[in-house]
N, C-alpha and C. Protein backbone atom coordinates (compact mmCIF):
# COMPACT_ATOMS: atom_id res chain seq x y z
N MET A 1 0.83 -1.15 -0.03
CA MET A 1 -0.01 -0.04 -0.06
C MET A 1 0.87 1.21 0.03
N LYS A 2 0.55 2.15 -0.86
CA LYS A 2 1.31 3.41 -0.91
C LYS A 2 0.82 4.36 0.21
N GLU A 3 1.79 5.19 0.71
CA GLU A 3 1.51 6.06 1.77
C GLU A 3 1.93 7.48 1.33
N ILE A 4 1.27 8.44 1.88
CA ILE A 4 1.60 9.85 1.58
C ILE A 4 1.50 10.59 3.01
N SER A 5 2.45 11.51 3.14
CA SER A 5 2.49 12.18 4.44
C SER A 5 1.49 13.31 4.47
N VAL A 6 1.13 13.75 5.66
CA VAL A 6 0.28 14.92 5.81
C VAL A 6 0.92 16.16 5.13
N MET A 7 2.23 16.32 5.29
CA MET A 7 2.90 17.42 4.76
C MET A 7 2.84 17.44 3.22
N GLU A 8 2.98 16.29 2.62
CA GLU A 8 2.93 16.18 1.16
C GLU A 8 1.59 16.54 0.64
N VAL A 9 0.51 16.12 1.33
CA VAL A 9 -0.89 16.47 0.90
C VAL A 9 -0.99 17.98 1.08
N GLN A 10 -0.60 18.55 2.24
CA GLN A 10 -0.78 19.93 2.53
C GLN A 10 -0.01 20.83 1.49
N GLN A 11 1.23 20.42 1.13
CA GLN A 11 1.98 21.16 0.19
C GLN A 11 1.35 21.11 -1.20
N ALA A 12 0.82 19.99 -1.57
CA ALA A 12 0.17 19.82 -2.94
C ALA A 12 -1.13 20.70 -2.99
N LEU A 13 -1.89 20.71 -1.91
CA LEU A 13 -3.05 21.64 -1.89
C LEU A 13 -2.69 23.09 -1.96
N GLU A 14 -1.65 23.47 -1.25
CA GLU A 14 -1.21 24.84 -1.16
C GLU A 14 -0.62 25.32 -2.53
N GLN A 15 -0.14 24.40 -3.31
CA GLN A 15 0.36 24.60 -4.67
C GLN A 15 -0.71 24.62 -5.71
N GLY A 16 -1.94 24.33 -5.26
CA GLY A 16 -3.13 24.28 -6.20
C GLY A 16 -3.25 23.04 -6.94
N GLN A 17 -2.56 21.97 -6.54
CA GLN A 17 -2.74 20.74 -7.31
C GLN A 17 -4.10 20.06 -6.82
N ALA A 18 -4.73 19.42 -7.82
CA ALA A 18 -6.08 18.80 -7.58
C ALA A 18 -5.74 17.43 -7.00
N ILE A 19 -6.23 17.23 -5.78
CA ILE A 19 -6.03 15.88 -5.12
C ILE A 19 -7.33 15.36 -4.77
N ASN A 20 -7.61 14.13 -5.15
CA ASN A 20 -8.84 13.47 -4.76
C ASN A 20 -8.76 12.83 -3.39
N LEU A 21 -9.32 13.59 -2.39
CA LEU A 21 -9.23 13.15 -1.03
C LEU A 21 -10.49 12.44 -0.65
N ILE A 22 -10.49 11.23 -0.18
CA ILE A 22 -11.73 10.55 0.27
C ILE A 22 -11.55 10.35 1.78
N ASP A 23 -12.50 10.96 2.49
CA ASP A 23 -12.56 10.86 3.92
C ASP A 23 -13.50 9.74 4.27
N VAL A 24 -12.97 8.71 4.98
CA VAL A 24 -13.81 7.51 5.28
C VAL A 24 -14.32 7.57 6.78
N ARG A 25 -14.21 8.69 7.41
CA ARG A 25 -14.77 8.79 8.73
C ARG A 25 -16.31 8.74 8.74
N GLU A 26 -16.88 8.71 9.95
CA GLU A 26 -18.33 8.76 10.04
C GLU A 26 -18.81 10.18 9.88
N VAL A 27 -20.15 10.35 9.68
CA VAL A 27 -20.67 11.71 9.37
C VAL A 27 -20.33 12.72 10.48
N ASP A 28 -20.54 12.30 11.78
CA ASP A 28 -20.29 13.30 12.86
C ASP A 28 -18.82 13.64 12.94
N GLU A 29 -17.93 12.79 12.57
CA GLU A 29 -16.51 13.09 12.59
C GLU A 29 -16.15 14.13 11.51
N VAL A 30 -16.77 13.96 10.36
CA VAL A 30 -16.53 14.83 9.23
C VAL A 30 -17.12 16.15 9.50
N GLU A 31 -18.31 16.25 10.12
CA GLU A 31 -18.96 17.52 10.42
C GLU A 31 -18.22 18.32 11.42
N SER A 32 -17.41 17.58 12.28
CA SER A 32 -16.63 18.35 13.30
C SER A 32 -15.36 18.99 12.75
N GLY A 33 -14.97 18.59 11.57
CA GLY A 33 -13.82 19.23 10.84
C GLY A 33 -13.28 18.27 9.83
N HIS A 34 -13.13 18.86 8.62
CA HIS A 34 -12.59 18.12 7.52
C HIS A 34 -11.74 18.96 6.56
N ILE A 35 -10.96 18.38 5.77
CA ILE A 35 -10.14 19.12 4.80
C ILE A 35 -11.13 19.62 3.65
N PRO A 36 -11.06 20.85 3.32
CA PRO A 36 -11.98 21.36 2.28
C PRO A 36 -11.78 20.56 0.99
N GLY A 37 -12.94 20.31 0.31
CA GLY A 37 -12.85 19.64 -1.03
C GLY A 37 -12.85 18.14 -0.95
N ILE A 38 -13.03 17.56 0.17
CA ILE A 38 -13.00 16.09 0.32
C ILE A 38 -14.24 15.44 -0.32
N ILE A 39 -14.05 14.18 -0.63
CA ILE A 39 -15.20 13.30 -1.02
C ILE A 39 -15.45 12.51 0.29
N HIS A 40 -16.69 12.50 0.77
CA HIS A 40 -17.01 11.82 2.00
C HIS A 40 -17.71 10.49 1.72
N ILE A 41 -16.99 9.38 1.91
CA ILE A 41 -17.57 8.04 1.84
C ILE A 41 -17.21 7.32 3.13
N PRO A 42 -18.18 7.18 4.06
CA PRO A 42 -17.88 6.41 5.26
C PRO A 42 -17.32 5.01 4.88
N LEU A 43 -16.40 4.51 5.69
CA LEU A 43 -15.72 3.21 5.39
C LEU A 43 -16.75 2.10 5.17
N GLY A 44 -17.82 2.11 5.96
CA GLY A 44 -18.82 1.02 5.85
C GLY A 44 -19.61 1.07 4.52
N LEU A 45 -19.56 2.19 3.83
CA LEU A 45 -20.24 2.33 2.59
C LEU A 45 -19.38 2.25 1.35
N LEU A 46 -18.05 2.15 1.57
CA LEU A 46 -17.12 2.24 0.53
C LEU A 46 -17.39 1.20 -0.56
N GLU A 47 -17.54 0.00 -0.15
CA GLU A 47 -17.83 -1.15 -1.09
C GLU A 47 -19.02 -0.81 -1.98
N PHE A 48 -20.01 -0.13 -1.42
CA PHE A 48 -21.25 0.09 -2.20
C PHE A 48 -21.20 1.41 -2.99
N ARG A 49 -20.19 2.20 -2.76
CA ARG A 49 -20.14 3.50 -3.51
C ARG A 49 -18.79 3.55 -4.38
N MET A 50 -18.09 2.56 -4.47
CA MET A 50 -16.78 2.64 -5.16
C MET A 50 -17.10 2.90 -6.66
N HIS A 51 -18.31 2.58 -7.11
CA HIS A 51 -18.67 2.77 -8.54
C HIS A 51 -18.65 4.25 -8.91
N GLU A 52 -18.64 5.10 -7.82
CA GLU A 52 -18.65 6.62 -8.02
C GLU A 52 -17.24 7.08 -8.29
N LEU A 53 -16.23 6.22 -8.08
CA LEU A 53 -14.90 6.56 -8.27
C LEU A 53 -14.29 6.15 -9.64
N ASN A 54 -13.25 6.85 -10.11
CA ASN A 54 -12.72 6.58 -11.45
C ASN A 54 -11.37 5.83 -11.29
N LYS A 55 -11.22 4.67 -11.84
CA LYS A 55 -9.99 3.88 -11.74
C LYS A 55 -8.77 4.57 -12.41
N ASN A 56 -9.06 5.62 -13.26
CA ASN A 56 -7.95 6.34 -13.88
C ASN A 56 -7.43 7.47 -13.15
N GLU A 57 -7.96 7.74 -11.94
CA GLU A 57 -7.51 8.84 -11.16
C GLU A 57 -6.97 8.32 -9.83
N PRO A 58 -5.98 9.08 -9.31
CA PRO A 58 -5.42 8.62 -8.01
C PRO A 58 -6.23 9.22 -6.84
N TYR A 59 -6.27 8.47 -5.76
CA TYR A 59 -7.07 8.98 -4.62
C TYR A 59 -6.16 8.87 -3.30
N VAL A 60 -6.45 9.76 -2.36
CA VAL A 60 -5.72 9.73 -1.11
C VAL A 60 -6.81 9.45 -0.06
N MET A 61 -6.67 8.47 0.74
CA MET A 61 -7.61 8.11 1.71
C MET A 61 -7.25 8.77 3.08
N VAL A 62 -8.32 9.29 3.79
CA VAL A 62 -8.15 10.03 5.00
C VAL A 62 -9.12 9.47 6.06
N CYS A 63 -8.58 9.42 7.32
CA CYS A 63 -9.45 9.15 8.47
C CYS A 63 -8.94 9.90 9.63
N ARG A 64 -9.35 9.51 10.84
CA ARG A 64 -8.92 10.15 12.06
C ARG A 64 -7.43 10.02 12.27
N SER A 65 -6.91 8.71 12.25
CA SER A 65 -5.44 8.47 12.58
C SER A 65 -4.69 7.68 11.50
N GLY A 66 -5.42 7.13 10.48
CA GLY A 66 -4.69 6.47 9.45
C GLY A 66 -5.05 4.97 9.38
N GLY A 67 -5.78 4.42 10.45
CA GLY A 67 -6.07 3.01 10.38
C GLY A 67 -7.24 2.67 9.44
N ARG A 68 -8.40 3.33 9.61
CA ARG A 68 -9.50 3.13 8.72
C ARG A 68 -9.13 3.43 7.25
N SER A 69 -8.40 4.51 7.01
CA SER A 69 -8.07 4.86 5.71
C SER A 69 -7.10 3.87 5.08
N GLY A 70 -6.28 3.21 5.93
CA GLY A 70 -5.32 2.18 5.51
C GLY A 70 -6.19 0.95 5.06
N ASN A 71 -7.23 0.55 5.81
CA ASN A 71 -8.04 -0.50 5.36
C ASN A 71 -8.77 -0.14 4.06
N ALA A 72 -9.25 1.07 3.93
CA ALA A 72 -9.89 1.48 2.76
C ALA A 72 -8.94 1.45 1.50
N ALA A 73 -7.79 1.93 1.76
CA ALA A 73 -6.76 1.94 0.65
C ALA A 73 -6.45 0.60 0.23
N GLN A 74 -6.31 -0.35 1.17
CA GLN A 74 -6.02 -1.75 0.75
C GLN A 74 -7.14 -2.33 0.01
N PHE A 75 -8.46 -2.08 0.40
CA PHE A 75 -9.60 -2.55 -0.29
C PHE A 75 -9.64 -2.07 -1.73
N LEU A 76 -9.55 -0.71 -1.87
CA LEU A 76 -9.63 -0.07 -3.17
C LEU A 76 -8.50 -0.54 -4.12
N GLU A 77 -7.29 -0.75 -3.52
CA GLU A 77 -6.18 -1.21 -4.27
C GLU A 77 -6.48 -2.54 -4.78
N SER A 78 -7.07 -3.44 -3.98
CA SER A 78 -7.50 -4.78 -4.46
C SER A 78 -8.51 -4.79 -5.52
N GLN A 79 -9.18 -3.65 -5.64
CA GLN A 79 -10.24 -3.54 -6.73
C GLN A 79 -9.71 -2.81 -7.97
N GLY A 80 -8.40 -2.49 -8.00
CA GLY A 80 -7.76 -1.87 -9.10
C GLY A 80 -7.65 -0.41 -9.16
N PHE A 81 -7.81 0.23 -8.02
CA PHE A 81 -7.78 1.68 -7.89
C PHE A 81 -6.33 2.13 -7.47
N ASP A 82 -5.95 3.27 -7.89
CA ASP A 82 -4.62 3.89 -7.53
C ASP A 82 -4.86 4.73 -6.28
N VAL A 83 -4.41 4.18 -5.11
CA VAL A 83 -4.73 4.88 -3.83
C VAL A 83 -3.55 4.94 -2.97
N SER A 84 -3.45 6.01 -2.09
CA SER A 84 -2.48 6.16 -1.07
C SER A 84 -3.21 6.43 0.21
N ASN A 85 -2.54 6.05 1.30
CA ASN A 85 -3.09 6.28 2.60
C ASN A 85 -2.36 7.49 3.20
N MET A 86 -3.13 8.50 3.73
CA MET A 86 -2.51 9.65 4.40
C MET A 86 -2.17 9.29 5.79
N VAL A 87 -0.85 9.13 6.04
CA VAL A 87 -0.41 8.60 7.37
C VAL A 87 -0.65 9.66 8.42
N GLY A 88 -1.10 9.23 9.57
CA GLY A 88 -1.35 10.09 10.67
C GLY A 88 -2.78 10.67 10.68
N GLY A 89 -3.45 10.68 9.57
CA GLY A 89 -4.84 11.16 9.42
C GLY A 89 -5.07 12.56 9.91
N MET A 90 -6.31 12.80 10.33
CA MET A 90 -6.66 14.18 10.77
C MET A 90 -5.99 14.61 12.11
N LEU A 91 -5.56 13.63 12.81
CA LEU A 91 -4.85 13.96 14.10
C LEU A 91 -3.49 14.70 13.77
N ALA A 92 -2.94 14.35 12.62
CA ALA A 92 -1.73 14.97 12.30
C ALA A 92 -1.84 16.20 11.31
N TRP A 93 -3.09 16.47 10.87
CA TRP A 93 -3.39 17.47 9.89
C TRP A 93 -3.20 18.85 10.59
N ASN A 94 -2.37 19.71 9.99
CA ASN A 94 -2.26 21.13 10.48
C ASN A 94 -2.79 22.14 9.50
N GLY A 95 -3.25 21.71 8.41
CA GLY A 95 -3.77 22.61 7.35
C GLY A 95 -5.11 23.12 7.58
N GLU A 96 -5.71 23.67 6.49
CA GLU A 96 -7.05 24.27 6.61
C GLU A 96 -8.16 23.11 6.97
N VAL A 97 -9.02 23.58 7.80
CA VAL A 97 -10.17 22.64 8.15
C VAL A 97 -11.38 23.39 8.02
N LYS A 98 -12.43 22.73 7.48
CA LYS A 98 -13.70 23.39 7.21
C LYS A 98 -14.72 22.82 8.22
């Protein structure tokens, strides 16, 4: 599984790069603070909503600490998607939060 650091994600966003961030936390967690521009798909629904994703685009998985997003990344990778896990999750995030 590929990993990406919080700093790498933050720098890419600050440079205006388009990044497909998928936040797999629960609704209440996302409502309490998330990275602007995320796609919200709770981990439990990922299997049922992966048809909304494009296998030709890379995705970065995000959760609270990196565990659930790691599971999500492994699952999507097994389905043929190009995914990376954001190590440390929102606990390590120092960038903009909405």
